[in-house]
C-alpha atoms as a PDB file:
ATOM      1  CA  MET A   1      64.593  91.654  72.445  1.00  0.00           C
ATOM      2  CA  GLY A   2      65.921  95.110  73.796  1.00  0.00           C
ATOM      3  CA  LEU A   3      68.858  96.029  75.600  1.00  0.00           C
ATOM      4  CA  ALA A   4      67.282  95.701  79.025  1.00  0.00           C
ATOM      5  CA  THR A   5      66.581  91.773  78.083  1.00  0.00           C
ATOM      6  CA  VAL A   6      70.273  91.404  76.783  1.00  0.00           C
ATOM      7  CA  LEU A   7      71.792  93.251  79.907  1.00  0.00           C
ATOM      8  CA  ILE A   8      69.985  90.772  82.095  1.00  0.00           C
ATOM      9  CA  VAL A   9      70.206  87.584  80.104  1.00  0.00           C
ATOM     10  CA  ILE A  10      73.539  87.660  79.664  1.00  0.00           C
ATOM     11  CA  PRO A  11      74.876  88.322  83.171  1.00  0.00           C
ATOM     12  CA  ALA A  12      72.109  86.098  84.731  1.00  0.00           C
ATOM     13  CA  SER A  13      73.660  83.447  82.280  1.00  0.00           C
ATOM     14  CA  ILE A  14      77.541  83.870  83.365  1.00  0.00           C
ATOM     15  CA  ILE A  15      76.370  83.853  86.777  1.00  0.00           C
ATOM     16  CA  THR A  16      74.577  80.489  86.397  1.00  0.00           C
ATOM     17  CA  ALA A  17      77.083  79.025  84.797  1.00  0.00           C
ATOM     18  CA  THR A  18      80.083  80.514  87.502  1.00  0.00           C
ATOM     19  CA  SER A  19      78.225  79.200  90.211  1.00  0.00           C
ATOM     20  CA  TYR A  20      77.728  75.822  88.769  1.00  0.00           C
ATOM     21  CA  VAL A  21      81.517  75.376  88.352  1.00  0.00           C
ATOM     22  CA  LEU A  22      82.432  76.764  91.986  1.00  0.00           C
ATOM     23  CA  GLY A  23      79.619  74.541  93.210  1.00  0.00           C
ATOM     24  CA  LYS A  24      81.609  71.673  91.987  1.00  0.00           C
ATOM     25  CA  ARG A  25      85.003  72.678  93.212  1.00  0.00           C
ATOM     26  CA  THR A  26      83.616  73.943  96.926  1.00  0.00           C
ATOM     27  CA  ILE A  27      83.094  70.584  98.636  1.00  0.00           C
ATOM     28  CA  PRO A  28      86.583  69.082  97.231  1.00  0.00           C
ATOM     29  CA  ALA A  29      88.292  72.078  98.306  1.00  0.00           C
ATOM     30  CA  ARG A  30      86.791  72.333 101.855  1.00  0.00           C
ATOM     31  CA  THR A  31      87.343  68.764 102.378  1.00  0.00           C
ATOM     32  CA  ALA A  32      90.862  68.621 101.670  1.00  0.00           C
ATOM     33  CA  TRP A  33      91.231  71.935 104.079  1.00  0.00           C
ATOM     34  CA  ASN A  34      89.626  70.071 107.024  1.00  0.00           C
ATOM     35  CA  LYS A  35      91.393  66.987 106.501  1.00  0.00           C
ATOM     36  CA  THR A  36      95.178  69.401 107.056  1.00  0.00           C
ATOM     37  CA  VAL A  37      93.091  70.997 110.001  1.00  0.00           C
ATOM     38  CA  LYS A  38      92.479  67.356 111.351  1.00  0.00           C
ATOM     39  CA  LYS A  39      95.722  66.290 110.981  1.00  0.00           C
ATOM     40  CA  ARG A  40      97.407  69.447 112.437  1.00  0.00           C
ATOM     41  CA  VAL A  41      94.946  69.299 115.467  1.00  0.00           C
ATOM     42  CA  ALA A  42      95.525  65.540 116.415  1.00  0.00           C
ATOM     43  CA  ALA A  43      99.252  66.530 116.275  1.00  0.00           C
ATOM     44  CA  THR A  44      98.758  69.140 118.747  1.00  0.00           C
ATOM     45  CA  TRP A  45      96.793  67.282 120.807  1.00  0.00           C
ATOM     46  CA  ILE A  46      99.494  64.368 121.027  1.00  0.00           C
ATOM     47  CA  VAL A  47     102.005  67.121 121.894  1.00  0.00           C
ATOM     48  CA  LEU A  48      99.981  68.707 124.527  1.00  0.00           C
ATOM     49  CA  SER A  49      99.155  65.401 126.169  1.00  0.00           C
ATOM     50  CA  GLN A  50     103.039  64.372 126.005  1.00  0.00           C
ATOM     51  CA  ILE A  51     103.981  67.802 127.263  1.00  0.00           C
ATOM     52  CA  ASP A  52     105.461  66.526 130.912  1.00  0.00           C
ATOM     53  CA  SER A  53     107.761  64.224 128.969  1.00  0.00           C
ATOM     54  CA  ILE A  54     108.795  66.370 126.182  1.00  0.00           C
ATOM     55  CA  LYS A  55     109.540  68.867 128.891  1.00  0.00           C
ATOM     56  CA  MET A  56     111.923  66.119 130.867  1.00  0.00           C
ATOM     57  CA  ILE A  57     113.511  64.978 127.791  1.00  0.00           C
ATOM     58  CA  GLY A  58     114.371  68.394 126.085  1.00  0.00           C
ATOM     59  CA  PRO A  59     113.737  68.377 122.525  1.00  0.00           C
ATOM     60  CA  GLY A  60     110.905  71.481 122.894  1.00  0.00           C
ATOM     61  CA  SER A  61     111.816  72.689 119.431  1.00  0.00           C
ATOM     62  CA  LEU A  62     111.119  69.611 117.508  1.00  0.00           C
ATOM     63  CA  PRO A  63     107.446  69.386 118.234  1.00  0.00           C
ATOM     64  CA  ALA A  64     107.269  73.163 117.648  1.00  0.00           C
ATOM     65  CA  ASP A  65     108.713  72.940 114.526  1.00  0.00           C
ATOM     66  CA  LYS A  66     106.835  70.110 113.409  1.00  0.00           C
ATOM     67  CA  LEU A  67     103.538  71.398 114.415  1.00  0.00           C
ATOM     68  CA  HIS A  68     104.610  74.608 112.448  1.00  0.00           C
ATOM     69  CA  GLN A  69     105.132  72.714 109.383  1.00  0.00           C
ATOM     70  CA  LEU A  70     101.513  71.546 109.937  1.00  0.00           C
ATOM     71  CA  ARG A  71     100.201  74.892 110.060  1.00  0.00           C
ATOM     72  CA  GLU A  72     101.785  75.819 106.882  1.00  0.00           C
ATOM     73  CA  SER A  73     100.692  72.760 104.833  1.00  0.00           C
ATOM     74  CA  GLU A  74      97.069  73.686 106.426  1.00  0.00           C
ATOM     75  CA  MET A  75      97.439  77.536 105.008  1.00  0.00           C
ATOM     76  CA  LYS A  76      98.846  76.192 101.699  1.00  0.00           C
ATOM     77  CA  GLN A  77      95.647  73.542 101.367  1.00  0.00           C
ATOM     78  CA  SER A  78      93.321  76.397 102.555  1.00  0.00           C
ATOM     79  CA  VAL A  79      94.464  78.749  99.552  1.00  0.00           C
ATOM     80  CA  THR A  80      92.344  76.674  97.148  1.00  0.00           C
ATOM     81  CA  TYR A  81      89.019  77.014  99.303  1.00  0.00           C
ATOM     82  CA  ARG A  82      89.698  80.512 100.155  1.00  0.00           C
ATOM     83  CA  ILE A  83      89.769  81.518  96.322  1.00  0.00           C
ATOM     84  CA  VAL A  84      86.472  79.595  95.502  1.00  0.00           C
ATOM     85  CA  TYR A  85      84.740  81.344  98.557  1.00  0.00           C
ATOM     86  CA  THR A  86      85.977  84.756  97.515  1.00  0.00           C
ATOM     87  CA  VAL A  87      84.858  84.099  93.909  1.00  0.00           C
ATOM     88  CA  THR A  88      81.220  82.933  94.889  1.00  0.00           C
ATOM     89  CA  HIS A  89      80.809  85.829  97.320  1.00  0.00           C
ATOM     90  CA  ALA A  90      81.653  88.194  94.384  1.00  0.00           C
ATOM     91  CA  THR A  91      79.336  86.375  92.281  1.00  0.00           C
ATOM     92  CA  GLY A  92      76.651  86.623  94.505  1.00  0.00           C
ATOM     93  CA  SER A  93      77.530  90.316  95.221  1.00  0.00           C
ATOM     94  CA  SER A  94      77.022  90.649  91.373  1.00  0.00           C
ATOM     95  CA  THR A  95      73.616  88.934  91.585  1.00  0.00           C
ATOM     96  CA  CYS A  96      72.562  91.657  93.961  1.00  0.00           C
ATOM     97  CA  ALA A  97      73.348  94.137  91.667  1.00  0.00           C
ATOM     98  CA  THR A  98      71.625  92.803  88.601  1.00  0.00           C
ATOM     99  CA  PRO A  99      68.086  94.665  89.389  1.00  0.00           C
ATOM    100  CA  SER A 100      70.083  97.748  89.569  1.00  0.00           C
ATOM    101  CA  ILE A 101      71.501  97.181  86.302  1.00  0.00           C
ATOM    102  CA  ARG A 102      67.722  96.623  85.172  1.00  0.00           C
ATOM    103  CA  ARG A 103      66.223  99.854  86.324  1.00  0.00           C
ATOM    104  CA  ILE A 104      68.938 101.717  84.632  1.00  0.00           C
ATOM    105  CA  THR A 105      68.326 100.127  81.458  1.00  0.00           C
ATOM    106  CA  ASP A 106      64.397 100.737  81.812  1.00  0.00           C
ATOM    107  CA  SER A 107      65.224 104.291  82.411  1.00  0.00           C
ATOM    108  CA  VAL A 108      67.477 104.474  79.654  1.00  0.00           C
ATOM    109  CA  GLU A 109      64.841 102.615  77.183  1.00  0.00           C
ATOM    110  CA  TYR A 110      61.823 104.884  78.615  1.00  0.00           C
ATOM    111  CA  ILE A 111      63.817 108.002  77.419  1.00  0.00           C
ATOM    112  CA  LYS A 112      64.220 106.407  74.135  1.00  0.00           C
ATOM    113  CA  ALA A 113      60.719 106.095  73.975  1.00  0.00           C
ATOM    114  CA  ALA A 114      59.906 109.115  75.074  1.00  0.00           C
ATOM    115  CA  ASP A 115      61.112 110.790  72.063  1.00  0.00           C
ATOM    116  CA  ARG A 116      59.029 108.655  69.906  1.00  0.00           C
ATOM    117  CA  ILE A 117      55.930 109.206  71.797  1.00  0.00           C
ATOM    118  CA  LEU A 118      52.832 110.431  69.598  1.00  0.00           C
ATOM    119  CA  MET A 119      50.261 112.838  71.166  1.00  0.00           C
ATOM    120  CA  ILE A 120      46.609 112.668  70.368  1.00  0.00           C
ATOM    121  CA  GLU A 121      45.200 115.578  70.470  1.00  0.00           C
ATOM    122  CA  ASN A 122      41.426 116.976  71.393  1.00  0.00           C
ATOM    123  CA  ASP A 123      40.108 116.509  67.812  1.00  0.00           C
ATOM    124  CA  GLY A 124      41.423 112.734  67.621  1.00  0.00           C
ATOM    125  CA  SER A 125      44.003 113.368  65.056  1.00  0.00           C
ATOM    126  CA  ILE A 126      47.604 112.105  66.132  1.00  0.00           C
ATOM    127  CA  THR A 127      50.663 114.395  66.296  1.00  0.00           C
ATOM    128  CA  SER A 128      54.320 113.167  67.058  1.00  0.00           C
ATOM    129  CA  THR A 129      56.606 114.996  69.197  1.00  0.00           C
ATOM    130  CA  THR A 130      59.626 114.308  67.234  1.00  0.00           C
END
């Protein structure tokens, strides 16, 4: 097993394990974030459907403050999903770089092997280039 193989197998194993862990965390994080989004959208719809009553009564800042709190909780809830999404994207990007690493290591192995090449002469004798 050469250097080129090791430099492919180790990153591939790490990326596979990372993808598995991230896959298990993505759906629950997205679901929790979607629940807070739905809660905020429902509250916004209620406020907008009663906007005339709110204007007549006068407590305009109270619904706005409540909606702002819901938006803040939504943003806090989204952090987990955003981190998982970012790491997933970074993992995918490193997967794309793996073939380039393979080409580089193949080139290094080729250069090392070139130092050990044996030459076959016209008379059938074998000579070493080193």
